[in-house]
Amino acid sequence: MVTTGASRDGSEEARVPKSDVLPMLALSTPSIQPIVTALRSQLETDWKAIC
């Protein structure tokens, strides 16, 4: 994955072709989606409890 430090000097982008980044993002999105949904529902539950 690209870190903010590597992004700043551009060394990471130079080594990773854009064609490799897109499939990586497409593959990682389905695994991230349930986590995001769970976190969102948890935040909504906590927010209602606080209010």
PDB file of N, CA and C in Angstrom:
ATOM      1  N   MET A   1       0.838  -1.201   0.000  1.00  0.00           N
ATOM      2  CA  MET A   1       0.000   0.000   0.000  1.00  0.00           C
ATOM      3  C   MET A   1       0.873   1.252   0.000  1.00  0.00           C
ATOM      4  N   VAL A   2       0.351   2.321  -0.516  1.00  0.00           N
ATOM      5  CA  VAL A   2       1.103   3.565  -0.607  1.00  0.00           C
ATOM      6  C   VAL A   2       0.948   4.347   0.693  1.00  0.00           C
ATOM      7  N   THR A   3       2.074   4.677   1.301  1.00  0.00           N
ATOM      8  CA  THR A   3       2.022   5.474   2.524  1.00  0.00           C
ATOM      9  C   THR A   3       2.080   6.952   2.170  1.00  0.00           C
ATOM     10  N   THR A   4       1.711   7.811   3.111  1.00  0.00           N
ATOM     11  CA  THR A   4       1.713   9.246   2.834  1.00  0.00           C
ATOM     12  C   THR A   4       3.130   9.742   2.595  1.00  0.00           C
ATOM     13  N   GLY A   5       4.105   9.148   3.284  1.00  0.00           N
ATOM     14  CA  GLY A   5       5.498   9.551   3.097  1.00  0.00           C
ATOM     15  C   GLY A   5       5.985   9.218   1.695  1.00  0.00           C
ATOM     16  N   ALA A   6       5.620   8.009   1.204  1.00  0.00           N
ATOM     17  CA  ALA A   6       6.036   7.610  -0.134  1.00  0.00           C
ATOM     18  C   ALA A   6       5.319   8.444  -1.195  1.00  0.00           C
ATOM     19  N   SER A   7       4.079   8.818  -0.910  1.00  0.00           N
ATOM     20  CA  SER A   7       3.324   9.614  -1.877  1.00  0.00           C
ATOM     21  C   SER A   7       3.945  10.997  -2.042  1.00  0.00           C
ATOM     22  N   ARG A   8       4.505  11.528  -0.969  1.00  0.00           N
ATOM     23  CA  ARG A   8       5.004  12.895  -1.001  1.00  0.00           C
ATOM     24  C   ARG A   8       6.206  13.035  -1.942  1.00  0.00           C
ATOM     25  N   ASP A   9       7.136  12.062  -1.879  1.00  0.00           N
ATOM     26  CA  ASP A   9       8.306  12.199  -2.752  1.00  0.00           C
ATOM     27  C   ASP A   9       8.095  11.523  -4.113  1.00  0.00           C
ATOM     28  N   GLY A  10       7.002  10.773  -4.270  1.00  0.00           N
ATOM     29  CA  GLY A  10       6.664  10.200  -5.568  1.00  0.00           C
ATOM     30  C   GLY A  10       7.386   8.912  -5.909  1.00  0.00           C
ATOM     31  N   SER A  11       8.184   8.359  -4.991  1.00  0.00           N
ATOM     32  CA  SER A  11       8.934   7.142  -5.304  1.00  0.00           C
ATOM     33  C   SER A  11       8.004   5.939  -5.442  1.00  0.00           C
ATOM     34  N   GLU A  12       6.954   5.901  -4.640  1.00  0.00           N
ATOM     35  CA  GLU A  12       6.033   4.758  -4.675  1.00  0.00           C
ATOM     36  C   GLU A  12       5.250   4.724  -5.983  1.00  0.00           C
ATOM     37  N   GLU A  13       4.754   5.875  -6.430  1.00  0.00           N
ATOM     38  CA  GLU A  13       4.011   5.927  -7.685  1.00  0.00           C
ATOM     39  C   GLU A  13       4.878   5.497  -8.868  1.00  0.00           C
ATOM     40  N   ALA A  14       6.161   5.830  -8.814  1.00  0.00           N
ATOM     41  CA  ALA A  14       7.063   5.490  -9.912  1.00  0.00           C
ATOM     42  C   ALA A  14       7.243   3.978 -10.019  1.00  0.00           C
ATOM     43  N   ARG A  15       7.213   3.270  -8.883  1.00  0.00           N
ATOM     44  CA  ARG A  15       7.434   1.828  -8.894  1.00  0.00           C
ATOM     45  C   ARG A  15       6.157   1.032  -9.149  1.00  0.00           C
ATOM     46  N   VAL A  16       4.995   1.590  -8.828  1.00  0.00           N
ATOM     47  CA  VAL A  16       3.737   0.855  -8.979  1.00  0.00           C
ATOM     48  C   VAL A  16       2.957   1.393 -10.173  1.00  0.00           C
ATOM     49  N   PRO A  17       2.815   0.591 -11.243  1.00  0.00           N
ATOM     50  CA  PRO A  17       2.044   1.040 -12.402  1.00  0.00           C
ATOM     51  C   PRO A  17       0.576   1.211 -12.042  1.00  0.00           C
ATOM     52  N   LYS A  18      -0.093   2.144 -12.711  1.00  0.00           N
ATOM     53  CA  LYS A  18      -1.504   2.389 -12.450  1.00  0.00           C
ATOM     54  C   LYS A  18      -2.343   1.137 -12.740  1.00  0.00           C
ATOM     55  N   SER A  19      -1.936   0.341 -13.721  1.00  0.00           N
ATOM     56  CA  SER A  19      -2.690  -0.861 -14.075  1.00  0.00           C
ATOM     57  C   SER A  19      -2.666  -1.891 -12.948  1.00  0.00           C
ATOM     58  N   ASP A  20      -1.651  -1.848 -12.085  1.00  0.00           N
ATOM     59  CA  ASP A  20      -1.600  -2.762 -10.944  1.00  0.00           C
ATOM     60  C   ASP A  20      -2.407  -2.231  -9.771  1.00  0.00           C
ATOM     61  N   VAL A  21      -2.519  -0.914  -9.673  1.00  0.00           N
ATOM     62  CA  VAL A  21      -3.224  -0.307  -8.536  1.00  0.00           C
ATOM     63  C   VAL A  21      -4.728  -0.536  -8.647  1.00  0.00           C
ATOM     64  N   LEU A  22      -5.293  -0.400  -9.844  1.00  0.00           N
ATOM     65  CA  LEU A  22      -6.739  -0.532 -10.015  1.00  0.00           C
ATOM     66  C   LEU A  22      -7.260  -1.920  -9.637  1.00  0.00           C
ATOM     67  N   PRO A  23      -6.655  -3.022 -10.103  1.00  0.00           N
ATOM     68  CA  PRO A  23      -7.119  -4.344  -9.658  1.00  0.00           C
ATOM     69  C   PRO A  23      -6.980  -4.532  -8.151  1.00  0.00           C
ATOM     70  N   MET A  24      -5.920  -3.980  -7.551  1.00  0.00           N
ATOM     71  CA  MET A  24      -5.735  -4.084  -6.110  1.00  0.00           C
ATOM     72  C   MET A  24      -6.892  -3.404  -5.387  1.00  0.00           C
ATOM     73  N   LEU A  25      -7.283  -2.218  -5.856  1.00  0.00           N
ATOM     74  CA  LEU A  25      -8.399  -1.500  -5.237  1.00  0.00           C
ATOM     75  C   LEU A  25      -9.702  -2.275  -5.421  1.00  0.00           C
ATOM     76  N   ALA A  26      -9.896  -2.829  -6.612  1.00  0.00           N
ATOM     77  CA  ALA A  26     -11.117  -3.583  -6.885  1.00  0.00           C
ATOM     78  C   ALA A  26     -11.198  -4.831  -6.005  1.00  0.00           C
ATOM     79  N   LEU A  27     -10.053  -5.475  -5.762  1.00  0.00           N
ATOM     80  CA  LEU A  27     -10.041  -6.676  -4.931  1.00  0.00           C
ATOM     81  C   LEU A  27     -10.223  -6.341  -3.459  1.00  0.00           C
ATOM     82  N   SER A  28      -9.699  -5.212  -3.024  1.00  0.00           N
ATOM     83  CA  SER A  28      -9.763  -4.864  -1.604  1.00  0.00           C
ATOM     84  C   SER A  28     -11.112  -4.274  -1.211  1.00  0.00           C
ATOM     85  N   THR A  29     -11.850  -3.724  -2.175  1.00  0.00           N
ATOM     86  CA  THR A  29     -13.114  -3.064  -1.847  1.00  0.00           C
ATOM     87  C   THR A  29     -14.148  -4.011  -1.231  1.00  0.00           C
ATOM     88  N   PRO A  30     -14.395  -5.209  -1.784  1.00  0.00           N
ATOM     89  CA  PRO A  30     -15.405  -6.093  -1.181  1.00  0.00           C
ATOM     90  C   PRO A  30     -15.081  -6.483   0.264  1.00  0.00           C
ATOM     91  N   SER A  31     -13.816  -6.638   0.595  1.00  0.00           N
ATOM     92  CA  SER A  31     -13.456  -7.024   1.958  1.00  0.00           C
ATOM     93  C   SER A  31     -13.574  -5.851   2.918  1.00  0.00           C
ATOM     94  N   ILE A  32     -13.434  -4.637   2.407  1.00  0.00           N
ATOM     95  CA  ILE A  32     -13.530  -3.446   3.249  1.00  0.00           C
ATOM     96  C   ILE A  32     -14.998  -3.087   3.509  1.00  0.00           C
ATOM     97  N   GLN A  33     -15.868  -3.340   2.548  1.00  0.00           N
ATOM     98  CA  GLN A  33     -17.264  -2.911   2.633  1.00  0.00           C
ATOM     99  C   GLN A  33     -17.977  -3.384   3.901  1.00  0.00           C
ATOM    100  N   PRO A  34     -17.916  -4.670   4.280  1.00  0.00           N
ATOM    101  CA  PRO A  34     -18.598  -5.099   5.511  1.00  0.00           C
ATOM    102  C   PRO A  34     -18.056  -4.403   6.750  1.00  0.00           C
ATOM    103  N   ILE A  35     -16.759  -4.131   6.759  1.00  0.00           N
ATOM    104  CA  ILE A  35     -16.146  -3.454   7.905  1.00  0.00           C
ATOM    105  C   ILE A  35     -16.687  -2.034   8.012  1.00  0.00           C
ATOM    106  N   VAL A  36     -16.760  -1.342   6.875  1.00  0.00           N
ATOM    107  CA  VAL A  36     -17.273   0.030   6.869  1.00  0.00           C
ATOM    108  C   VAL A  36     -18.735   0.047   7.315  1.00  0.00           C
ATOM    109  N   THR A  37     -19.516  -0.909   6.827  1.00  0.00           N
ATOM    110  CA  THR A  37     -20.930  -0.979   7.201  1.00  0.00           C
ATOM    111  C   THR A  37     -21.087  -1.234   8.689  1.00  0.00           C
ATOM    112  N   ALA A  38     -20.276  -2.137   9.231  1.00  0.00           N
ATOM    113  CA  ALA A  38     -20.345  -2.453  10.659  1.00  0.00           C
ATOM    114  C   ALA A  38     -19.956  -1.243  11.499  1.00  0.00           C
ATOM    115  N   LEU A  39     -18.899  -0.549  11.091  1.00  0.00           N
ATOM    116  CA  LEU A  39     -18.469   0.635  11.834  1.00  0.00           C
ATOM    117  C   LEU A  39     -19.531   1.723  11.789  1.00  0.00           C
ATOM    118  N   ARG A  40     -20.146   1.890  10.624  1.00  0.00           N
ATOM    119  CA  ARG A  40     -21.161   2.929  10.473  1.00  0.00           C
ATOM    120  C   ARG A  40     -22.360   2.643  11.375  1.00  0.00           C
ATOM    121  N   SER A  41     -22.825   1.390  11.403  1.00  0.00           N
ATOM    122  CA  SER A  41     -23.971   1.046  12.248  1.00  0.00           C
ATOM    123  C   SER A  41     -23.610   1.190  13.722  1.00  0.00           C
ATOM    124  N   GLN A  42     -22.369   0.864  14.070  1.00  0.00           N
ATOM    125  CA  GLN A  42     -21.919   1.011  15.453  1.00  0.00           C
ATOM    126  C   GLN A  42     -21.881   2.482  15.852  1.00  0.00           C
ATOM    127  N   LEU A  43     -21.400   3.331  14.953  1.00  0.00           N
ATOM    128  CA  LEU A  43     -21.362   4.768  15.232  1.00  0.00           C
ATOM    129  C   LEU A  43     -22.769   5.331  15.400  1.00  0.00           C
ATOM    130  N   GLU A  44     -23.695   4.892  14.542  1.00  0.00           N
ATOM    131  CA  GLU A  44     -25.074   5.367  14.651  1.00  0.00           C
ATOM    132  C   GLU A  44     -25.687   4.943  15.978  1.00  0.00           C
ATOM    133  N   THR A  45     -25.410   3.708  16.410  1.00  0.00           N
ATOM    134  CA  THR A  45     -25.933   3.218  17.686  1.00  0.00           C
ATOM    135  C   THR A  45     -25.367   4.026  18.839  1.00  0.00           C
ATOM    136  N   ASP A  46     -24.058   4.274  18.814  1.00  0.00           N
ATOM    137  CA  ASP A  46     -23.421   5.053  19.879  1.00  0.00           C
ATOM    138  C   ASP A  46     -23.948   6.483  19.890  1.00  0.00           C
ATOM    139  N   TRP A  47     -24.140   7.059  18.702  1.00  0.00           N
ATOM    140  CA  TRP A  47     -24.605   8.442  18.599  1.00  0.00           C
ATOM    141  C   TRP A  47     -25.999   8.577  19.207  1.00  0.00           C
ATOM    142  N   LYS A  48     -26.880   7.598  18.928  1.00  0.00           N
ATOM    143  CA  LYS A  48     -28.233   7.630  19.488  1.00  0.00           C
ATOM    144  C   LYS A  48     -28.187   7.445  21.001  1.00  0.00           C
ATOM    145  N   ALA A  49     -27.264   6.628  21.483  1.00  0.00           N
ATOM    146  CA  ALA A  49     -27.140   6.399  22.924  1.00  0.00           C
ATOM    147  C   ALA A  49     -26.661   7.665  23.631  1.00  0.00           C
ATOM    148  N   ILE A  50     -25.743   8.392  23.002  1.00  0.00           N
ATOM    149  CA  ILE A  50     -25.211   9.626  23.596  1.00  0.00           C
ATOM    150  C   ILE A  50     -26.294  10.706  23.604  1.00  0.00           C
ATOM    151  N   CYS A  51     -26.999  10.830  22.484  1.00  0.00           N
ATOM    152  CA  CYS A  51     -28.062  11.837  22.402  1.00  0.00           C
ATOM    153  C   CYS A  51     -29.287  11.309  23.109  1.00  0.00           C
TER     154      CYS A  51
END
